[in-house]
Amino acid sequence: MKHYHKLQLLLLFLTLVLSCKNDTSKQENAITKGQESDLKYATGFSITNYDNYKILQINSPWPKSKKKYNYLLHTKEQAIISTFNKEDYDGMITIPIKKIVVTSTTHVPALELLDVEQTLVGFPGTDYISSEKTRVRIDNNQVRELGKNEGINTEVLLELQPNLVIGYGVSSSNKTLETINKLGVPVIYNGDWVETSALAKAEWIKFFGVLFNKEQEAKTIFNNIEKDYIEAKNLTQSVTKRPTVLSGASHKDVWYLPSGSSPEAQFLKDANVNYLWSDTNQKGSLALSFESVFEKGYNAEIWLSPSYYRSLEDLEKANEHYAKFAAFKNKQVYSFANTTGKSGGVLYYELGTARPDLVLKDIIKICHPNLLPNYQPYFFKPLK
């Protein structure tokens, strides 16, 4: 009889072992069958969908990053029965997110476009937020002030109990975000600003879409933005008059303006204008002397984005030589600096990344006004 019981126990043990192996085999099979979400332009992140979870990978959180970050995303129900090892991921996050903290104004439009702005509970530097919708929530104390990005008030942040903090950094050394992560609040670095094209930056709405289980909504929103952008670009392809364009301004004897390979110069190319520095390909901005810019651009027909100067008078006060440029004389100087929110935040720095179609239409309206007769520029206004 004892031998019979031993045999039963042995059979039960073998059954459990085989069952575990089968479960592991199923899990391994599931892992190999992950389907990567379709991204048309963005390269800084990827989303891989499995039956019961998703993997969000951040490939380029900052320039020249050597590390990729992997996050396991699963629902509350899946988290309860999860057997994944936390050590294998940079974060295990329950979705959809209910309470979030973001750290860049460029993140706010994505929340609003996805209709999840009510999940925003804290932000460092709320005065920089321009959106009327989110400003109402700030004024009603539904979005708490968290101080500065370099030194977020962790005490207030922990009181808010967010499910997630979306950060950004220029390197792996960000002590504040590291502290937040160690205190148990997951942090994901958003690298939209590292992308090299306007549409790639805008596609990061899909990054937010997966966090809120709104991937299809994010895809639809992006497709509409892309469609509007391409339609606007196509309008300019038949123009015969391409106005010459100057950009930027001088700061401490150095004139900064977009390199010809930058996303800013891509807008000018897609608007089919003659950007005088379009043949340059340095990374980042060009840093030139005032004299070299004047020699090449004094006769430019249009001057875009002259730093933060808000009037022609301010421009001339800063440097009397600015008044010698033809665009200044003809009052063809345009800036986004005067389009601000209630508390002074510049709208372009908030919405421009999410809506490159509006940026392109603004430039087309300025440079080829007849192509968009009924369009009113959203960001860029002439300096008076």
Protein backbone atom coordinates (compact mmCIF):
# COMPACT_ATOMS: atom_id res chain seq x y z
CA MET A 1 0.00 0.00 0.00
CA LYS A 2 2.86 2.29 0.89
CA HIS A 3 4.45 1.55 -2.48
CA TYR A 4 1.17 2.49 -4.16
CA HIS A 5 1.10 5.90 -2.41
CA LYS A 6 4.73 6.48 -3.33
CA LEU A 7 3.91 5.71 -6.94
CA GLN A 8 1.00 8.17 -6.85
CA LEU A 9 3.24 10.89 -5.39
CA LEU A 10 5.88 10.20 -8.04
CA LEU A 11 3.33 10.46 -10.82
CA LEU A 12 1.97 13.70 -9.34
CA PHE A 13 5.48 15.13 -9.13
CA LEU A 14 6.24 14.22 -12.74
CA THR A 15 2.93 15.75 -13.84
CA LEU A 16 3.78 19.03 -12.09
CA VAL A 17 7.28 19.13 -13.58
CA LEU A 18 5.93 18.50 -17.09
CA SER A 19 3.23 21.10 -16.51
CA CYS A 20 5.82 23.68 -15.48
CA LYS A 21 7.89 22.84 -18.54
CA ASN A 22 4.85 23.24 -20.76
CA ASP A 23 4.04 26.61 -19.15
CA THR A 24 7.61 27.73 -19.66
CA SER A 25 7.50 26.47 -23.23
CA LYS A 26 4.27 28.38 -23.84
CA GLN A 27 5.78 31.52 -22.35
CA GLU A 28 8.90 31.15 -24.50
CA ASN A 29 6.72 30.59 -27.58
CA ALA A 30 4.70 33.70 -26.69
CA ILE A 31 7.90 35.71 -26.36
CA THR A 32 9.05 34.69 -29.84
CA LYS A 33 5.69 35.63 -31.32
CA GLY A 34 5.66 39.25 -30.15
CA GLN A 35 4.38 41.70 -32.77
CA GLU A 36 6.13 45.03 -33.04
CA SER A 37 3.93 48.10 -33.45
CA ASP A 38 4.27 49.89 -36.75
CA LEU A 39 6.32 53.10 -36.50
CA LYS A 40 6.79 55.12 -39.68
CA TYR A 41 9.37 57.70 -38.62
CA ALA A 42 10.35 57.45 -34.96
CA THR A 43 13.41 55.34 -34.09
CA GLY A 44 13.87 56.31 -30.44
CA PHE A 45 11.38 53.78 -29.09
CA SER A 46 9.59 50.57 -30.00
CA ILE A 47 6.54 48.70 -28.74
CA THR A 48 6.26 44.91 -28.93
CA ASN A 49 2.86 43.36 -28.24
CA TYR A 50 2.40 39.91 -26.72
CA ASP A 51 -0.77 38.08 -25.71
CA ASN A 52 -0.78 39.26 -22.10
CA TYR A 53 1.74 42.07 -21.92
CA LYS A 54 3.75 44.62 -23.91
CA ILE A 55 7.41 45.60 -23.97
CA LEU A 56 8.21 49.29 -24.38
CA GLN A 57 11.84 49.88 -25.35
CA ILE A 58 13.49 53.30 -25.28
CA ASN A 59 16.34 53.20 -27.78
CA SER A 60 17.55 56.80 -27.64
CA PRO A 61 16.67 58.57 -24.37
CA TRP A 62 19.36 61.19 -25.07
CA PRO A 63 22.02 61.79 -27.76
CA LYS A 64 24.75 59.13 -27.99
CA SER A 65 23.05 56.96 -25.38
CA LYS A 66 24.67 53.53 -25.13
CA LYS A 67 21.91 52.04 -23.01
CA LYS A 68 18.46 50.92 -24.07
CA TYR A 69 15.68 50.80 -21.49
CA ASN A 70 13.08 48.03 -21.42
CA TYR A 71 9.75 48.30 -19.62
CA LEU A 72 7.20 45.55 -19.08
CA LEU A 73 3.64 46.86 -19.40
CA HIS A 74 0.73 44.79 -18.17
CA THR A 75 -2.75 45.24 -16.71
CA LYS A 76 -3.59 45.13 -13.00
CA GLU A 77 -5.07 41.66 -13.39
CA GLN A 78 -2.00 40.39 -15.23
CA ALA A 79 0.31 41.95 -12.63
CA ILE A 80 -1.30 39.85 -9.86
CA ILE A 81 -0.42 36.54 -11.55
CA SER A 82 2.81 37.73 -13.17
CA THR A 83 5.87 35.50 -12.84
CA PHE A 84 8.27 37.89 -14.58
CA ASN A 85 11.51 38.77 -12.84
CA LYS A 86 11.78 42.47 -12.00
CA GLU A 87 15.54 42.30 -12.44
CA ASP A 88 15.04 41.67 -16.16
CA TYR A 89 13.42 45.07 -16.77
CA ASP A 90 14.07 48.72 -16.05
CA GLY A 91 10.50 48.95 -14.84
CA MET A 92 7.31 46.91 -14.56
CA ILE A 93 4.34 49.19 -15.07
CA THR A 94 0.62 48.62 -14.67
CA ILE A 95 -1.46 50.08 -17.50
CA PRO A 96 -3.55 52.03 -18.19
CA ILE A 97 -1.88 54.78 -16.18
CA LYS A 98 -4.26 56.49 -13.74
CA LYS A 99 -1.98 59.23 -12.35
CA ILE A 100 1.03 60.62 -14.18
CA VAL A 101 3.72 63.28 -13.78
CA VAL A 102 5.38 64.65 -16.93
CA THR A 103 8.37 66.97 -17.01
CA SER A 104 8.30 68.68 -20.42
CA THR A 105 5.62 70.91 -21.91
CA THR A 106 5.94 68.84 -25.11
CA HIS A 107 4.30 65.94 -23.21
CA VAL A 108 1.14 67.89 -22.37
CA PRO A 109 -0.40 68.00 -25.90
CA ALA A 110 -0.15 64.21 -26.19
CA LEU A 111 -2.21 63.80 -23.02
CA GLU A 112 -4.81 66.25 -24.31
CA LEU A 113 -4.99 64.72 -27.79
CA LEU A 114 -5.64 61.32 -26.17
CA ASP A 115 -8.22 62.83 -23.77
CA VAL A 116 -6.28 61.72 -20.69
CA GLU A 117 -5.15 65.14 -19.42
CA GLN A 118 -7.12 64.50 -16.21
CA THR A 119 -4.44 61.94 -15.23
CA LEU A 120 -1.79 64.68 -14.97
CA VAL A 121 -1.25 65.39 -11.27
CA GLY A 122 2.11 67.21 -11.16
CA PHE A 123 4.55 69.19 -13.29
CA PRO A 124 7.83 71.05 -12.62
CA GLY A 125 7.33 74.66 -13.75
CA THR A 126 3.59 74.90 -14.31
CA ASP A 127 3.91 78.53 -15.49
CA TYR A 128 5.45 77.24 -18.72
CA ILE A 129 2.27 75.34 -19.64
CA SER A 130 0.22 77.31 -22.19
CA SER A 131 -2.76 75.04 -22.92
CA GLU A 132 -6.00 76.63 -21.73
CA LYS A 133 -7.47 73.25 -20.85
CA THR A 134 -4.57 72.23 -18.62
CA ARG A 135 -4.21 75.72 -17.17
CA VAL A 136 -7.76 75.42 -15.79
CA ARG A 137 -6.69 72.24 -13.99
CA ILE A 138 -3.57 74.01 -12.67
CA ASP A 139 -5.67 76.94 -11.39
CA ASN A 140 -7.99 74.45 -9.67
CA ASN A 141 -4.98 72.84 -7.90
CA GLN A 142 -5.53 69.59 -9.79
CA VAL A 143 -1.96 69.78 -11.14
CA ARG A 144 0.61 70.45 -8.42
CA GLU A 145 3.75 72.53 -8.86
CA LEU A 146 6.87 70.35 -8.45
CA GLY A 147 9.61 72.97 -8.59
CA LYS A 148 12.34 72.71 -11.22
CA ASN A 149 13.32 69.86 -13.51
CA GLU A 150 16.83 69.71 -12.04
CA GLY A 151 15.45 69.50 -8.52
CA ILE A 152 11.91 68.12 -8.45
CA ASN A 153 10.23 68.34 -5.05
CA THR A 154 10.18 64.62 -4.29
CA GLU A 155 8.18 65.12 -1.09
CA VAL A 156 5.25 66.63 -2.97
CA LEU A 157 5.64 64.09 -5.77
CA LEU A 158 5.38 61.17 -3.35
CA GLU A 159 2.26 62.72 -1.80
CA LEU A 160 0.65 62.65 -5.25
CA GLN A 161 1.39 58.91 -5.59
CA PRO A 162 1.74 58.90 -9.41
CA ASN A 163 1.89 55.58 -11.22
CA LEU A 164 4.59 56.93 -13.51
CA VAL A 165 6.95 59.86 -14.11
CA ILE A 166 7.88 60.76 -17.69
CA GLY A 167 11.30 62.38 -17.62
CA TYR A 168 13.89 63.54 -20.09
CA GLY A 169 17.60 64.02 -19.77
CA VAL A 170 20.72 64.99 -21.68
CA SER A 171 22.71 62.13 -20.13
CA SER A 172 22.38 59.15 -17.81
CA SER A 173 23.23 61.35 -14.84
CA ASN A 174 19.96 62.74 -13.48
CA LYS A 175 20.06 62.43 -9.72
CA THR A 176 16.50 63.64 -9.16
CA LEU A 177 14.93 61.09 -11.49
CA GLU A 178 17.21 58.37 -10.12
CA THR A 179 16.01 59.22 -6.59
CA ILE A 180 12.36 59.09 -7.67
CA ASN A 181 12.90 55.68 -9.24
CA LYS A 182 14.63 54.36 -6.10
CA LEU A 183 11.69 55.58 -4.00
CA GLY A 184 9.44 53.22 -5.94
CA VAL A 185 7.91 55.49 -8.58
CA PRO A 186 8.75 54.19 -12.10
CA VAL A 187 10.49 56.67 -14.40
CA ILE A 188 10.56 56.43 -18.19
CA TYR A 189 12.79 58.72 -20.24
CA ASN A 190 11.04 60.30 -23.21
CA GLY A 191 13.44 60.96 -26.08
CA ASP A 192 11.15 62.66 -28.58
CA TRP A 193 13.52 65.63 -28.78
CA VAL A 194 16.38 63.40 -29.99
CA GLU A 195 14.54 62.44 -33.19
CA THR A 196 15.85 63.99 -36.40
CA SER A 197 12.58 64.85 -38.15
CA ALA A 198 9.40 66.68 -37.23
CA LEU A 199 7.11 63.75 -38.03
CA ALA A 200 9.31 61.37 -36.01
CA LYS A 201 8.92 63.64 -32.97
CA ALA A 202 5.16 63.82 -33.47
CA GLU A 203 4.94 60.02 -33.68
CA TRP A 204 5.85 59.81 -29.98
CA ILE A 205 2.14 60.21 -29.29
CA LYS A 206 2.15 56.42 -29.81
CA PHE A 207 4.50 56.18 -26.82
CA PHE A 208 1.77 57.78 -24.69
CA GLY A 209 -0.91 55.73 -26.43
CA VAL A 210 0.50 52.43 -25.19
CA LEU A 211 0.72 53.74 -21.60
CA PHE A 212 -3.00 54.49 -21.57
CA ASN A 213 -4.17 51.50 -23.62
CA LYS A 214 -5.04 53.92 -26.42
CA GLU A 215 -2.76 52.66 -29.16
CA GLN A 216 -5.41 52.77 -31.88
CA GLU A 217 -6.45 56.31 -30.93
CA ALA A 218 -2.80 57.42 -30.99
CA LYS A 219 -2.32 55.84 -34.41
CA THR A 220 -5.39 57.60 -35.81
CA ILE A 221 -4.31 60.97 -34.39
CA PHE A 222 -0.82 60.64 -35.83
CA ASN A 223 -2.10 59.51 -39.23
CA ASN A 224 -4.27 62.64 -39.43
CA ILE A 225 -1.33 64.88 -38.49
CA GLU A 226 0.89 63.14 -41.04
CA LYS A 227 -1.80 63.48 -43.74
CA ASP A 228 -2.20 67.22 -43.07
CA TYR A 229 1.57 67.69 -43.11
CA ILE A 230 2.05 65.88 -46.43
CA GLU A 231 -0.88 67.68 -48.04
CA ALA A 232 0.60 71.04 -47.00
CA LYS A 233 4.04 70.02 -48.28
CA ASN A 234 2.58 68.94 -51.63
CA LEU A 235 0.95 72.34 -52.05
CA THR A 236 4.36 73.98 -52.34
CA GLN A 237 5.94 71.66 -54.90
CA SER A 238 4.73 73.63 -57.92
CA VAL A 239 5.75 77.11 -56.73
CA THR A 240 8.15 78.99 -58.99
CA LYS A 241 9.09 81.77 -56.55
CA ARG A 242 11.11 80.55 -53.56
CA PRO A 243 11.76 83.41 -51.13
CA THR A 244 15.17 83.59 -49.48
CA VAL A 245 15.04 82.95 -45.74
CA LEU A 246 17.26 83.93 -42.82
CA SER A 247 16.84 82.48 -39.32
CA GLY A 248 18.04 82.93 -35.74
CA ALA A 249 19.87 85.84 -34.13
CA SER A 250 23.13 86.74 -32.46
CA HIS A 251 23.88 86.00 -28.80
CA LYS A 252 27.14 87.21 -27.26
CA ASP A 253 28.69 87.72 -30.71
CA VAL A 254 27.64 84.26 -31.94
CA TRP A 255 24.74 83.89 -34.39
CA TYR A 256 22.89 80.62 -33.89
CA LEU A 257 20.75 79.26 -36.72
CA PRO A 258 19.54 75.82 -37.87
CA SER A 259 21.87 73.48 -39.69
CA GLY A 260 20.59 72.38 -43.07
CA SER A 261 20.13 68.82 -41.74
CA SER A 262 18.09 69.83 -38.69
CA PRO A 263 14.32 69.30 -38.22
CA GLU A 264 13.90 73.10 -38.32
CA ALA A 265 15.56 73.26 -41.74
CA GLN A 266 13.39 70.34 -42.87
CA PHE A 267 10.33 72.53 -42.31
CA LEU A 268 11.88 75.14 -44.62
CA LYS A 269 12.71 72.52 -47.23
CA ASP A 270 9.17 71.11 -47.10
CA ALA A 271 7.78 74.65 -47.41
CA ASN A 272 9.93 74.95 -50.58
CA VAL A 273 11.80 78.10 -49.65
CA ASN A 274 15.40 79.06 -50.27
CA TYR A 275 16.99 78.69 -46.86
CA LEU A 276 20.41 80.26 -47.26
CA TRP A 277 22.18 77.64 -45.09
CA SER A 278 20.37 74.58 -46.46
CA ASP A 279 23.61 73.03 -47.73
CA THR A 280 25.14 72.67 -44.24
CA ASN A 281 24.95 69.35 -42.42
CA GLN A 282 26.45 69.86 -38.96
CA LYS A 283 24.61 68.31 -36.04
CA GLY A 284 22.71 70.80 -33.91
CA SER A 285 22.77 74.53 -34.58
CA LEU A 286 25.28 76.48 -36.61
CA ALA A 287 27.34 78.96 -34.60
CA LEU A 288 28.51 81.75 -36.90
CA SER A 289 29.88 85.25 -36.61
CA PHE A 290 27.55 88.21 -37.09
CA GLU A 291 29.67 89.37 -40.02
CA SER A 292 29.40 86.09 -41.94
CA VAL A 293 25.62 85.96 -41.47
CA PHE A 294 25.21 89.58 -42.52
CA GLU A 295 27.34 89.06 -45.63
CA LYS A 296 25.19 86.13 -46.74
CA GLY A 297 21.78 87.09 -45.40
CA TYR A 298 21.48 90.87 -45.36
CA ASN A 299 19.27 90.75 -48.46
CA ALA A 300 17.10 87.78 -47.37
CA GLU A 301 13.42 88.41 -48.01
CA ILE A 302 12.10 86.75 -44.83
CA TRP A 303 13.60 86.44 -41.34
CA LEU A 304 12.20 83.68 -39.13
CA SER A 305 12.63 83.11 -35.38
CA PRO A 306 14.96 85.95 -34.36
CA SER A 307 15.61 84.49 -30.90
CA TYR A 308 13.25 85.77 -28.17
CA TYR A 309 12.91 89.36 -29.39
CA ARG A 310 9.27 90.40 -29.36
CA SER A 311 9.34 93.57 -31.45
CA LEU A 312 11.43 95.27 -34.13
CA GLU A 313 12.30 97.92 -31.58
CA ASP A 314 13.68 95.28 -29.17
CA LEU A 315 15.65 93.77 -32.01
CA GLU A 316 17.22 97.10 -32.96
CA LYS A 317 17.97 97.97 -29.33
CA ALA A 318 19.88 94.70 -28.97
CA ASN A 319 22.00 95.45 -32.03
CA GLU A 320 21.57 98.45 -34.31
CA HIS A 321 22.99 96.45 -37.21
CA TYR A 322 19.87 94.25 -37.28
CA ALA A 323 18.03 97.21 -38.83
CA LYS A 324 20.30 96.95 -41.91
CA PHE A 325 18.79 93.62 -42.96
CA ALA A 326 16.29 93.86 -45.83
CA ALA A 327 13.75 91.71 -43.98
CA PHE A 328 13.86 94.15 -41.06
CA LYS A 329 13.42 97.15 -43.33
CA ASN A 330 10.46 95.51 -45.07
CA LYS A 331 8.93 94.29 -41.79
CA GLN A 332 9.19 90.67 -42.85
CA VAL A 333 10.44 89.35 -39.51
CA TYR A 334 8.34 86.58 -37.95
CA SER A 335 8.52 84.97 -34.53
CA PHE A 336 6.60 82.56 -32.28
CA ALA A 337 7.79 84.41 -29.15
CA ASN A 338 4.60 86.49 -28.86
CA THR A 339 2.22 83.51 -28.96
CA THR A 340 2.06 82.67 -25.27
CA GLY A 341 -0.25 81.17 -22.70
CA LYS A 342 -1.89 82.89 -19.75
CA SER A 343 1.23 82.64 -17.58
CA GLY A 344 3.75 83.45 -20.31
CA GLY A 345 4.71 80.01 -21.60
CA VAL A 346 5.56 79.98 -25.32
CA LEU A 347 2.98 77.83 -27.13
CA TYR A 348 5.42 76.74 -29.85
CA TYR A 349 7.60 74.93 -27.31
CA GLU A 350 4.56 73.05 -26.07
CA LEU A 351 2.46 72.22 -29.12
CA GLY A 352 4.95 72.58 -31.97
CA THR A 353 6.43 69.10 -31.46
CA ALA A 354 3.02 67.38 -31.44
CA ARG A 355 1.62 69.40 -34.37
CA PRO A 356 4.31 69.83 -37.05
CA ASP A 357 1.51 70.22 -39.60
CA LEU A 358 0.60 73.56 -38.00
CA VAL A 359 4.25 74.69 -37.97
CA LEU A 360 4.62 73.87 -41.67
CA LYS A 361 1.37 75.64 -42.56
CA ASP A 362 2.54 78.74 -40.67
CA ILE A 363 5.76 78.86 -42.70
CA ILE A 364 3.90 78.26 -45.97
CA LYS A 365 1.44 81.05 -45.14
CA ILE A 366 4.33 83.44 -44.50
CA CYS A 367 6.40 82.44 -47.54
CA HIS A 368 3.65 81.51 -50.04
CA PRO A 369 0.54 83.34 -48.72
CA ASN A 370 -1.62 82.56 -51.77
CA LEU A 371 -1.36 78.80 -51.20
CA LEU A 372 -3.35 78.95 -47.95
CA PRO A 373 -5.67 81.95 -48.43
CA ASN A 374 -7.96 81.21 -45.47
CA TYR A 375 -5.33 79.98 -43.02
CA GLN A 376 -4.40 82.02 -39.94
CA PRO A 377 -0.88 81.31 -38.58
CA TYR A 378 -0.99 79.47 -35.29
CA PHE A 379 2.47 80.18 -33.85
CA PHE A 380 4.36 82.66 -36.03
CA LYS A 381 3.37 86.33 -36.01
CA PRO A 382 5.12 89.36 -37.60
CA LEU A 383 7.19 91.50 -35.26
CA LYS A 384 5.79 95.01 -35.03
